[in-house]
Amino acid sequence: FRFATSNEAIGFLQPLADQNLLLRAKGTTPSPECPAAVPHHSALRCPEGHAIHRKGDPFGWWQDKKTCHACNRSFGPHTSYWRCTHNCKYNVCHHCFQMAACNEAQQMLEGSYDSTECGSDSAESTMDFRVSSGASVETWHFWAHRPWPMQLEQLAKAFEVPHAVLIHSQGLELEVIQSISQLQALPGTAQLTLETPEALLAQLLRDTTALRHLVSTLCASEELAAEGIRQDALRSLLMHLTDADSSTVPLAAAGLCALFKCQVGTVRAQLLDLWPEFGTPLMSCLMRDSSDGVAPVLMWLLQELEIAVDTFHKVAVELEGGYLTLSR
């Protein structure tokens, strides 16, 4: 649900807080005044689909009893009850509302909750996007209130893609979707693609012009960075760093920082293997370039690799003016 005010949220969650007291007072047997099996959607939404999370106004003894539209039982004054937020004169007794709210909360935690039973009065609660995986293309329904890992797992099972990664690619930008808020920021016409981390990284590493996409993927999560390490992304980044085109240095440095945060021992071992080929040009590039992100790479290398210190000294001496030039 989406609540307009904090009072509405408190009103909805209060029955959950009262659950232990209710069970302690009545045991596990429902009160004979209300049926045990009441469909939870009839106690949480009126027939028009409006949410029921506003406490009903008290009424006097001289007024007619009210009827719970969920269990069809009457209740008198001084009895807590709940009403539709749009004043549709749809009443639900406290027992039915409490049981329905608890059942729904439990189903949401277990991942079996289906909001289509209750309808929705919020246009923002659901999102439809076209999702492709290989030759398969489907329109997939995303829910704003469900945990993202659970939804991604269900999507992966539907497309039979294990450990899937959902991505949105447009022009020079590639975004790995990791939250509902990212989906909500996309236009409704956005095309999404479901890939395995292995296939995604392999594709990006084959395309030497996809550095921006590669770096954004490596920075998205430790899982993707680890897969990049397994597929020798370190070599690709070092090639971009030592390339004559200095415009790629900041991006490549950001990608290296993502790898440094993941599997330090493996990265250190790979760097030692690659150092005879890339060590001197790498240190020369890092020492000459003042772009954002370069300094952290240089400091990491000097702290983690003894051979980097020797190379740093060698390059500094060879530079015109030696260390004096570097200090400036």
Protein backbone atom coordinates (compact mmCIF):
# COMPACT_ATOMS: atom_id res chain seq x y z
CA PHE A 1 0.00 0.00 0.00
CA ARG A 2 0.89 3.66 -0.27
CA PHE A 3 -0.32 5.77 2.61
CA ALA A 4 -1.16 9.44 2.30
CA THR A 5 -0.35 10.20 5.95
CA SER A 6 1.50 8.64 8.84
CA ASN A 7 -1.81 8.12 10.64
CA GLU A 8 -3.01 5.87 7.83
CA ALA A 9 0.21 3.85 8.04
CA ILE A 10 -0.17 3.51 11.81
CA GLY A 11 -3.77 2.47 11.37
CA PHE A 12 -2.78 -0.29 8.98
CA LEU A 13 0.14 -1.58 11.07
CA GLN A 14 -1.58 -1.41 14.46
CA PRO A 15 -3.31 -4.78 14.04
CA LEU A 16 0.07 -6.39 13.48
CA ALA A 17 1.32 -4.96 16.75
CA ASP A 18 -1.79 -6.28 18.51
CA GLN A 19 -1.39 -9.80 17.12
CA ASN A 20 0.43 -11.28 20.10
CA LEU A 21 -2.05 -9.79 22.53
CA LEU A 22 -4.93 -11.17 20.50
CA LEU A 23 -3.51 -14.68 20.37
CA ARG A 24 -2.65 -14.60 24.05
CA ALA A 25 -6.19 -13.58 24.96
CA LYS A 26 -8.03 -15.94 22.62
CA GLY A 27 -5.50 -18.70 22.00
CA THR A 28 -5.32 -19.79 18.40
CA THR A 29 -9.10 -20.25 18.03
CA PRO A 30 -10.91 -17.35 16.35
CA SER A 31 -13.79 -15.72 18.15
CA PRO A 32 -17.13 -17.43 17.46
CA GLU A 33 -18.53 -14.00 16.62
CA CYS A 34 -16.63 -14.03 13.30
CA PRO A 35 -16.02 -16.80 10.78
CA ALA A 36 -12.51 -18.24 10.77
CA ALA A 37 -12.02 -18.10 7.01
CA VAL A 38 -12.64 -14.60 5.69
CA PRO A 39 -11.07 -13.70 2.32
CA HIS A 40 -8.43 -11.14 3.21
CA HIS A 41 -9.11 -8.99 0.14
CA SER A 42 -12.71 -8.34 1.26
CA ALA A 43 -11.44 -7.03 4.60
CA LEU A 44 -8.75 -4.78 3.11
CA ARG A 45 -10.55 -3.26 0.12
CA CYS A 46 -14.10 -2.27 -0.64
CA PRO A 47 -15.81 -3.47 -3.86
CA GLU A 48 -14.63 -0.27 -5.57
CA GLY A 49 -11.02 -1.20 -4.84
CA HIS A 50 -10.42 1.54 -2.23
CA ALA A 51 -8.08 0.70 0.61
CA ILE A 52 -9.51 0.15 4.09
CA HIS A 53 -7.10 1.62 6.60
CA ARG A 54 -9.10 4.34 8.39
CA LYS A 55 -10.65 3.69 11.76
CA GLY A 56 -14.39 4.18 11.80
CA ASP A 57 -15.96 6.99 13.80
CA PRO A 58 -17.57 5.92 17.09
CA PHE A 59 -21.36 5.80 17.22
CA GLY A 60 -23.86 5.93 20.06
CA TRP A 61 -26.02 3.23 21.66
CA TRP A 62 -29.12 4.83 20.18
CA GLN A 63 -27.88 4.31 16.63
CA ASP A 64 -28.42 1.15 14.61
CA LYS A 65 -25.80 -1.54 14.72
CA LYS A 66 -23.37 -1.70 11.85
CA THR A 67 -22.61 -4.76 9.77
CA CYS A 68 -19.15 -6.07 8.89
CA HIS A 69 -19.18 -6.48 5.13
CA ALA A 70 -16.42 -9.13 5.33
CA CYS A 71 -18.11 -11.57 7.73
CA ASN A 72 -21.72 -10.23 7.61
CA ARG A 73 -21.92 -10.04 11.41
CA SER A 74 -23.32 -7.04 13.28
CA PHE A 75 -21.42 -5.04 15.88
CA GLY A 76 -22.59 -2.39 18.28
CA PRO A 77 -21.23 0.87 19.72
CA HIS A 78 -17.87 1.06 21.47
CA THR A 79 -16.56 -1.56 19.03
CA SER A 80 -13.48 -0.85 16.95
CA TYR A 81 -14.07 -1.10 13.24
CA TRP A 82 -12.52 0.03 9.97
CA ARG A 83 -13.81 1.92 6.97
CA CYS A 84 -13.08 2.58 3.31
CA THR A 85 -10.96 5.69 2.78
CA HIS A 86 -13.43 7.07 0.22
CA ASN A 87 -16.49 6.88 2.50
CA CYS A 88 -18.20 4.14 0.53
CA LYS A 89 -20.03 3.04 3.69
CA TYR A 90 -18.11 -0.20 3.64
CA ASN A 91 -17.37 -1.36 7.21
CA VAL A 92 -15.07 -4.11 8.49
CA CYS A 93 -14.95 -5.29 12.09
CA HIS A 94 -11.67 -5.18 13.95
CA HIS A 95 -11.29 -8.97 14.03
CA CYS A 96 -11.63 -9.41 10.25
CA PHE A 97 -9.34 -6.49 9.52
CA GLN A 98 -6.71 -7.70 11.95
CA MET A 99 -6.70 -11.26 10.64
CA ALA A 100 -6.60 -10.06 7.01
CA ALA A 101 -3.74 -7.64 7.67
CA CYS A 102 -1.72 -10.32 9.45
CA ASN A 103 -2.36 -12.86 6.69
CA GLU A 104 -1.36 -10.39 3.99
CA ALA A 105 1.81 -9.39 5.82
CA GLN A 106 2.77 -13.06 6.20
CA GLN A 107 2.13 -13.75 2.51
CA MET A 108 4.25 -10.76 1.49
CA LEU A 109 7.13 -12.05 3.64
CA GLU A 110 6.83 -15.53 2.12
CA GLY A 111 6.65 -14.14 -1.42
CA SER A 112 3.22 -15.61 -2.18
CA TYR A 113 1.21 -12.41 -1.93
CA ASP A 114 -0.79 -11.52 -5.03
CA SER A 115 -1.93 -7.92 -5.07
CA THR A 116 -4.28 -8.58 -7.99
CA GLU A 117 -6.71 -10.04 -5.47
CA CYS A 118 -7.09 -6.68 -3.85
CA GLY A 119 -6.74 -4.38 -6.82
CA SER A 120 -4.85 -1.15 -6.43
CA ASP A 121 -5.78 2.48 -6.07
CA SER A 122 -2.26 3.67 -6.93
CA ALA A 123 -1.12 3.93 -10.54
CA GLU A 124 2.47 3.87 -9.33
CA SER A 125 2.19 0.49 -7.59
CA THR A 126 2.83 -1.50 -10.76
CA MET A 127 5.07 -1.11 -13.80
CA ASP A 128 5.09 -2.94 -17.13
CA PHE A 129 8.29 -3.24 -19.17
CA ARG A 130 9.31 -5.21 -22.22
CA VAL A 131 11.98 -7.71 -21.17
CA SER A 132 14.08 -9.68 -23.66
CA SER A 133 16.40 -12.63 -23.16
CA GLY A 134 17.86 -14.20 -26.26
CA ALA A 135 15.00 -14.68 -28.71
CA SER A 136 12.31 -14.40 -26.00
CA VAL A 137 10.52 -11.09 -25.49
CA GLU A 138 7.73 -10.61 -22.94
CA THR A 139 5.93 -7.81 -21.15
CA TRP A 140 6.75 -8.26 -17.46
CA HIS A 141 4.74 -6.89 -14.54
CA PHE A 142 6.86 -5.36 -11.73
CA TRP A 143 5.42 -4.48 -8.30
CA ALA A 144 6.54 -1.37 -6.45
CA HIS A 145 5.96 -2.86 -2.98
CA ARG A 146 7.70 -6.24 -3.39
CA PRO A 147 11.37 -6.81 -2.51
CA TRP A 148 13.54 -6.46 -5.60
CA PRO A 149 15.64 -9.65 -5.12
CA MET A 150 12.45 -11.71 -5.01
CA GLN A 151 11.10 -10.15 -8.21
CA LEU A 152 14.40 -10.61 -10.04
CA GLU A 153 14.48 -14.27 -8.99
CA GLN A 154 10.95 -14.81 -10.31
CA LEU A 155 11.87 -13.09 -13.58
CA ALA A 156 14.97 -15.25 -13.95
CA LYS A 157 12.95 -18.43 -13.37
CA ALA A 158 10.35 -17.39 -15.94
CA PHE A 159 13.03 -16.85 -18.59
CA GLU A 160 15.11 -19.80 -17.35
CA VAL A 161 18.19 -17.60 -16.93
CA PRO A 162 20.14 -18.58 -13.77
CA HIS A 163 21.69 -15.79 -11.68
CA ALA A 164 20.30 -13.22 -14.06
CA VAL A 165 21.23 -9.55 -14.35
CA LEU A 166 18.63 -7.07 -15.61
CA ILE A 167 20.08 -4.23 -17.65
CA HIS A 168 18.84 -1.13 -19.43
CA SER A 169 21.00 0.07 -22.31
CA GLN A 170 20.46 3.29 -24.22
CA GLY A 171 23.09 4.88 -26.40
CA LEU A 172 26.38 5.19 -24.53
CA GLU A 173 24.82 4.38 -21.17
CA LEU A 174 24.25 0.96 -19.61
CA GLU A 175 22.52 0.60 -16.27
CA VAL A 176 22.32 -2.55 -14.17
CA ILE A 177 18.91 -2.55 -12.50
CA GLN A 178 19.27 -3.34 -8.79
CA SER A 179 16.24 -1.68 -7.21
CA ILE A 180 12.62 -0.71 -7.75
CA SER A 181 13.55 2.99 -7.64
CA GLN A 182 15.73 2.51 -10.74
CA LEU A 183 12.77 1.01 -12.60
CA GLN A 184 10.51 3.85 -11.51
CA ALA A 185 12.96 6.36 -13.00
CA LEU A 186 12.80 4.71 -16.43
CA PRO A 187 10.31 5.70 -19.14
CA GLY A 188 7.54 3.20 -19.78
CA THR A 189 8.94 2.54 -23.26
CA ALA A 190 12.31 1.38 -21.92
CA GLN A 191 13.57 -1.97 -23.21
CA LEU A 192 15.16 -4.24 -20.59
CA THR A 193 17.46 -7.19 -21.19
CA LEU A 194 18.03 -10.23 -18.99
CA GLU A 195 21.55 -11.66 -19.11
CA THR A 196 23.77 -13.94 -17.06
CA PRO A 197 26.80 -12.19 -15.53
CA GLU A 198 29.06 -14.47 -17.59
CA ALA A 199 27.42 -13.61 -20.92
CA LEU A 200 27.18 -9.90 -20.12
CA LEU A 201 30.85 -9.52 -19.19
CA ALA A 202 32.00 -11.67 -22.11
CA GLN A 203 30.07 -9.48 -24.53
CA LEU A 204 31.44 -6.24 -23.07
CA LEU A 205 35.04 -7.51 -23.03
CA ARG A 206 34.84 -8.54 -26.69
CA ASP A 207 33.83 -5.00 -27.70
CA THR A 208 36.85 -2.76 -27.24
CA THR A 209 34.68 0.33 -27.73
CA ALA A 210 32.37 -0.56 -24.81
CA LEU A 211 34.62 0.73 -22.02
CA ARG A 212 31.90 2.90 -20.49
CA HIS A 213 29.47 -0.03 -20.37
CA LEU A 214 32.16 -2.32 -18.98
CA VAL A 215 33.08 0.05 -16.15
CA SER A 216 29.45 0.76 -15.18
CA THR A 217 28.85 -3.01 -15.01
CA LEU A 218 31.93 -3.68 -12.89
CA CYS A 219 30.94 -0.89 -10.49
CA ALA A 220 27.35 -2.17 -10.15
CA SER A 221 28.04 -5.01 -7.71
CA GLU A 222 30.78 -7.18 -6.24
CA GLU A 223 29.32 -10.20 -8.03
CA LEU A 224 29.82 -8.55 -11.41
CA ALA A 225 33.28 -7.30 -10.44
CA ALA A 226 34.24 -10.85 -9.42
CA GLU A 227 33.02 -12.17 -12.76
CA GLY A 228 35.06 -9.47 -14.49
CA ILE A 229 38.16 -10.66 -12.62
CA ARG A 230 37.49 -14.24 -13.74
CA GLN A 231 37.23 -13.09 -17.36
CA ASP A 232 40.47 -11.08 -17.30
CA ALA A 233 38.85 -7.64 -17.24
CA LEU A 234 42.01 -6.42 -15.52
CA ARG A 235 44.02 -6.79 -18.73
CA SER A 236 41.40 -4.90 -20.71
CA LEU A 237 41.42 -2.00 -18.24
CA LEU A 238 45.22 -1.85 -18.19
CA MET A 239 45.24 -1.67 -21.99
CA HIS A 240 42.86 1.30 -21.87
CA LEU A 241 44.94 2.99 -19.16
CA THR A 242 48.19 2.71 -21.08
CA ASP A 243 46.60 3.59 -24.42
CA ALA A 244 47.73 6.77 -26.14
CA ASP A 245 44.16 8.12 -25.87
CA SER A 246 44.18 9.84 -22.48
CA SER A 247 40.38 10.36 -22.54
CA THR A 248 39.87 6.73 -21.45
CA VAL A 249 42.09 7.04 -18.34
CA PRO A 250 39.44 8.25 -15.83
CA LEU A 251 36.98 5.53 -16.88
CA ALA A 252 39.57 2.77 -16.80
CA ALA A 253 40.77 3.98 -13.38
CA ALA A 254 37.21 3.76 -12.04
CA GLY A 255 36.99 0.18 -13.32
CA LEU A 256 40.25 -0.72 -11.59
CA CYS A 257 38.97 0.70 -8.30
CA ALA A 258 35.92 -1.58 -8.59
CA LEU A 259 38.20 -4.61 -9.02
CA PHE A 260 40.46 -3.56 -6.15
CA LYS A 261 37.49 -3.74 -3.77
CA CYS A 262 36.78 -7.36 -4.72
CA GLN A 263 39.05 -10.39 -4.28
CA VAL A 264 42.21 -8.44 -3.43
CA GLY A 265 44.41 -11.53 -3.44
CA THR A 266 43.33 -12.58 -6.93
CA VAL A 267 43.77 -9.06 -8.32
CA ARG A 268 47.24 -8.81 -6.76
CA ALA A 269 48.28 -12.13 -8.31
CA GLN A 270 46.98 -11.11 -11.75
CA LEU A 271 48.78 -7.77 -11.54
CA LEU A 272 52.07 -9.48 -10.73
CA ASP A 273 51.66 -11.67 -13.81
CA LEU A 274 50.85 -8.66 -16.00
CA TRP A 275 53.45 -6.31 -14.49
CA PRO A 276 56.31 -7.09 -16.92
CA GLU A 277 54.03 -6.06 -19.78
CA PHE A 278 52.13 -3.13 -18.26
CA GLY A 279 54.08 -2.04 -15.16
CA THR A 280 56.25 0.76 -16.57
CA PRO A 281 53.70 2.31 -18.96
CA LEU A 282 51.02 2.02 -16.25
CA MET A 283 53.04 3.88 -13.63
CA SER A 284 54.13 6.48 -16.17
CA CYS A 285 50.49 7.11 -17.09
CA LEU A 286 49.32 7.34 -13.49
CA MET A 287 52.13 9.67 -12.49
CA ARG A 288 51.52 12.06 -15.40
CA ASP A 289 47.70 12.12 -15.34
CA SER A 290 45.84 14.30 -12.85
CA SER A 291 42.32 13.08 -13.71
CA ASP A 292 39.82 12.23 -10.99
CA GLY A 293 40.17 8.66 -9.82
CA VAL A 294 43.80 8.20 -10.85
CA ALA A 295 45.34 8.96 -7.45
CA PRO A 296 43.46 6.14 -5.61
CA VAL A 297 44.73 3.63 -8.19
CA LEU A 298 48.31 4.80 -7.77
CA MET A 299 48.10 4.68 -3.97
CA TRP A 300 46.59 1.17 -4.00
CA LEU A 301 49.38 -0.12 -6.23
CA LEU A 302 52.09 1.39 -4.04
CA GLN A 303 50.53 -0.10 -0.89
CA GLU A 304 49.81 -3.58 -2.26
CA LEU A 305 52.72 -4.29 -4.63
CA GLU A 306 56.38 -3.93 -3.71
CA ILE A 307 57.31 -4.08 -7.38
CA ALA A 308 55.12 -1.01 -7.98
CA VAL A 309 57.33 1.02 -5.62
CA ASP A 310 60.44 0.04 -7.57
CA THR A 311 58.76 0.92 -10.86
CA PHE A 312 57.53 4.24 -9.40
CA HIS A 313 61.11 5.18 -8.46
CA LYS A 314 62.44 4.16 -11.88
CA VAL A 315 59.83 6.16 -13.79
CA ALA A 316 60.24 9.20 -11.51
CA VAL A 317 63.98 9.31 -12.18
CA GLU A 318 63.48 8.96 -15.93
CA LEU A 319 60.95 11.80 -16.06
CA GLU A 320 62.42 15.19 -16.88
CA GLY A 321 63.27 16.85 -13.56
CA GLY A 322 62.78 13.61 -11.61
CA TYR A 323 60.82 13.82 -8.37
CA LEU A 324 60.87 17.62 -8.49
CA THR A 325 58.56 17.57 -11.49
CA LEU A 326 56.18 15.16 -9.75
CA SER A 327 55.97 17.32 -6.63
CA ARG A 328 54.77 20.23 -8.71
